[in-house]
Amino acid sequence: IELLVVDAALEIRHRDHALTGNWKDYRDCHVKPDLVLIYRLIEADRLVLVRLGSHSELDL
């Protein structure tokens, strides 16, 4: 979470990437292999945690 707040690069294993379509302003990263966090960084210091769940729960 601390790294997300400052918009720092995460380790490759977290597979952090921008989303597309209806989620185009959001990003997701893998907390664990099938535990995904969808989030959005608004401004330089405001992090919004949107959803947490498996790929199937989140329809990703």
N, C-alpha and C. Protein backbone atom coordinates (compact mmCIF):
# COMPACT_ATOMS: atom_id res chain seq x y z
N ILE A 1 0.84 -1.20 0.00
CA ILE A 1 0.00 0.00 0.00
C ILE A 1 0.87 1.25 0.00
N GLU A 2 1.93 1.23 0.80
CA GLU A 2 2.82 2.40 0.86
C GLU A 2 3.42 2.70 -0.51
N LEU A 3 3.79 1.67 -1.25
CA LEU A 3 4.35 1.88 -2.58
C LEU A 3 3.31 2.42 -3.56
N LEU A 4 2.08 1.95 -3.43
CA LEU A 4 1.01 2.44 -4.32
C LEU A 4 0.73 3.92 -4.09
N VAL A 5 0.75 4.33 -2.84
CA VAL A 5 0.46 5.74 -2.50
C VAL A 5 1.45 6.68 -3.17
N VAL A 6 2.71 6.29 -3.21
CA VAL A 6 3.73 7.17 -3.80
C VAL A 6 3.98 6.84 -5.27
N ASP A 7 3.13 5.99 -5.85
CA ASP A 7 3.21 5.62 -7.26
C ASP A 7 4.56 5.00 -7.62
N ALA A 8 5.10 4.21 -6.70
CA ALA A 8 6.38 3.53 -6.93
C ALA A 8 6.13 2.21 -7.67
N ALA A 9 7.12 1.77 -8.39
CA ALA A 9 7.02 0.51 -9.12
C ALA A 9 6.97 -0.66 -8.14
N LEU A 10 6.07 -1.60 -8.41
CA LEU A 10 5.98 -2.81 -7.59
C LEU A 10 6.86 -3.89 -8.19
N GLU A 11 7.17 -4.90 -7.40
CA GLU A 11 7.92 -6.04 -7.91
C GLU A 11 7.12 -6.70 -9.04
N ILE A 12 7.81 -7.27 -9.99
CA ILE A 12 7.17 -7.89 -11.16
C ILE A 12 6.14 -8.94 -10.74
N ARG A 13 6.38 -9.64 -9.64
CA ARG A 13 5.46 -10.71 -9.21
C ARG A 13 4.06 -10.18 -8.90
N HIS A 14 3.93 -8.88 -8.66
CA HIS A 14 2.61 -8.30 -8.37
C HIS A 14 1.82 -7.96 -9.63
N ARG A 15 2.46 -8.02 -10.78
CA ARG A 15 1.83 -7.82 -12.09
C ARG A 15 0.93 -6.58 -12.12
N ASP A 16 1.43 -5.49 -11.62
CA ASP A 16 0.70 -4.22 -11.61
C ASP A 16 0.52 -3.71 -13.03
N HIS A 17 -0.71 -3.36 -13.40
CA HIS A 17 -0.94 -2.84 -14.75
C HIS A 17 -2.24 -2.03 -14.80
N ALA A 18 -2.31 -1.18 -15.82
CA ALA A 18 -3.51 -0.38 -16.06
C ALA A 18 -4.60 -1.27 -16.62
N LEU A 19 -5.83 -0.95 -16.28
CA LEU A 19 -6.98 -1.67 -16.81
C LEU A 19 -7.55 -0.91 -18.00
N THR A 20 -8.44 -1.56 -18.73
CA THR A 20 -9.03 -0.96 -19.93
C THR A 20 -10.55 -1.00 -19.85
N GLY A 21 -11.19 -0.50 -20.86
CA GLY A 21 -12.65 -0.53 -20.93
C GLY A 21 -13.29 0.30 -19.83
N ASN A 22 -14.29 -0.26 -19.17
CA ASN A 22 -14.98 0.45 -18.09
C ASN A 22 -14.06 0.77 -16.92
N TRP A 23 -12.94 0.09 -16.83
CA TRP A 23 -11.99 0.28 -15.73
C TRP A 23 -10.78 1.09 -16.17
N LYS A 24 -10.88 1.85 -17.24
CA LYS A 24 -9.71 2.50 -17.85
C LYS A 24 -8.95 3.45 -16.94
N ASP A 25 -9.55 3.99 -15.91
CA ASP A 25 -8.84 4.89 -15.00
C ASP A 25 -8.27 4.18 -13.78
N TYR A 26 -8.34 2.86 -13.79
CA TYR A 26 -7.94 2.06 -12.64
C TYR A 26 -6.75 1.16 -12.98
N ARG A 27 -6.16 0.61 -11.94
CA ARG A 27 -5.06 -0.33 -12.10
C ARG A 27 -5.38 -1.56 -11.26
N ASP A 28 -4.69 -2.66 -11.54
CA ASP A 28 -4.79 -3.78 -10.61
C ASP A 28 -3.42 -4.36 -10.36
N CYS A 29 -3.29 -4.97 -9.21
CA CYS A 29 -2.05 -5.66 -8.85
C CYS A 29 -2.43 -6.92 -8.08
N HIS A 30 -1.54 -7.89 -8.14
CA HIS A 30 -1.77 -9.17 -7.49
C HIS A 30 -1.14 -9.17 -6.11
N VAL A 31 -1.98 -9.29 -5.09
CA VAL A 31 -1.50 -9.39 -3.73
C VAL A 31 -0.94 -10.79 -3.52
N LYS A 32 -1.64 -11.78 -4.06
CA LYS A 32 -1.24 -13.19 -4.11
C LYS A 32 -1.58 -13.66 -5.52
N PRO A 33 -1.19 -14.87 -5.91
CA PRO A 33 -1.43 -15.29 -7.29
C PRO A 33 -2.87 -15.10 -7.79
N ASP A 34 -3.88 -15.40 -6.96
CA ASP A 34 -5.26 -15.18 -7.41
C ASP A 34 -6.02 -14.28 -6.44
N LEU A 35 -5.33 -13.29 -5.90
CA LEU A 35 -5.96 -12.26 -5.08
C LEU A 35 -5.56 -10.92 -5.67
N VAL A 36 -6.54 -10.27 -6.29
CA VAL A 36 -6.29 -9.07 -7.07
C VAL A 36 -6.87 -7.84 -6.37
N LEU A 37 -6.10 -6.77 -6.36
CA LEU A 37 -6.54 -5.49 -5.81
C LEU A 37 -6.73 -4.51 -6.95
N ILE A 38 -7.92 -3.96 -7.07
CA ILE A 38 -8.18 -2.90 -8.05
C ILE A 38 -8.12 -1.58 -7.29
N TYR A 39 -7.36 -0.65 -7.85
CA TYR A 39 -7.17 0.62 -7.16
C TYR A 39 -7.05 1.76 -8.15
N ARG A 40 -7.09 2.96 -7.61
CA ARG A 40 -6.92 4.17 -8.43
C ARG A 40 -6.13 5.19 -7.62
N LEU A 41 -5.14 5.76 -8.25
CA LEU A 41 -4.36 6.83 -7.63
C LEU A 41 -4.92 8.15 -8.14
N ILE A 42 -5.45 8.94 -7.23
CA ILE A 42 -6.03 10.23 -7.58
C ILE A 42 -5.14 11.30 -6.98
N GLU A 43 -4.66 12.18 -7.82
CA GLU A 43 -3.69 13.20 -7.40
C GLU A 43 -2.43 12.48 -6.93
N ALA A 44 -1.54 13.20 -6.34
CA ALA A 44 -0.25 12.62 -5.97
C ALA A 44 -0.31 11.83 -4.67
N ASP A 45 -1.31 12.07 -3.84
CA ASP A 45 -1.29 11.45 -2.52
C ASP A 45 -2.62 10.83 -2.08
N ARG A 46 -3.49 10.55 -3.02
CA ARG A 46 -4.79 9.99 -2.68
C ARG A 46 -4.98 8.66 -3.39
N LEU A 47 -5.00 7.59 -2.62
CA LEU A 47 -5.16 6.24 -3.15
C LEU A 47 -6.55 5.73 -2.79
N VAL A 48 -7.28 5.25 -3.79
CA VAL A 48 -8.60 4.68 -3.56
C VAL A 48 -8.53 3.19 -3.84
N LEU A 49 -8.77 2.37 -2.81
CA LEU A 49 -8.82 0.92 -2.96
C LEU A 49 -10.26 0.58 -3.32
N VAL A 50 -10.45 -0.04 -4.48
CA VAL A 50 -11.80 -0.20 -5.02
C VAL A 50 -12.37 -1.58 -4.77
N ARG A 51 -11.63 -2.62 -5.15
CA ARG A 51 -12.13 -3.99 -4.99
C ARG A 51 -10.97 -4.92 -4.71
N LEU A 52 -11.28 -6.01 -4.01
CA LEU A 52 -10.31 -7.04 -3.69
C LEU A 52 -11.00 -8.38 -3.85
N GLY A 53 -10.38 -9.28 -4.62
CA GLY A 53 -10.97 -10.60 -4.80
C GLY A 53 -10.20 -11.40 -5.82
N SER A 54 -10.70 -12.59 -6.10
CA SER A 54 -10.07 -13.44 -7.12
C SER A 54 -10.46 -12.93 -8.50
N HIS A 55 -9.76 -13.43 -9.52
CA HIS A 55 -10.10 -13.04 -10.90
C HIS A 55 -11.57 -13.33 -11.20
N SER A 56 -12.04 -14.50 -10.80
CA SER A 56 -13.43 -14.86 -11.10
C SER A 56 -14.42 -13.99 -10.32
N GLU A 57 -14.11 -13.66 -9.08
CA GLU A 57 -15.00 -12.80 -8.30
C GLU A 57 -15.09 -11.39 -8.89
N LEU A 58 -13.99 -10.93 -9.46
CA LEU A 58 -13.94 -9.58 -10.01
C LEU A 58 -14.28 -9.52 -11.49
N ASP A 59 -14.56 -10.67 -12.10
CA ASP A 59 -14.86 -10.75 -13.54
C ASP A 59 -13.74 -10.18 -14.38
N LEU A 60 -12.51 -10.54 -14.05
CA LEU A 60 -11.34 -10.07 -14.82
C LEU A 60 -10.87 -11.16 -15.75
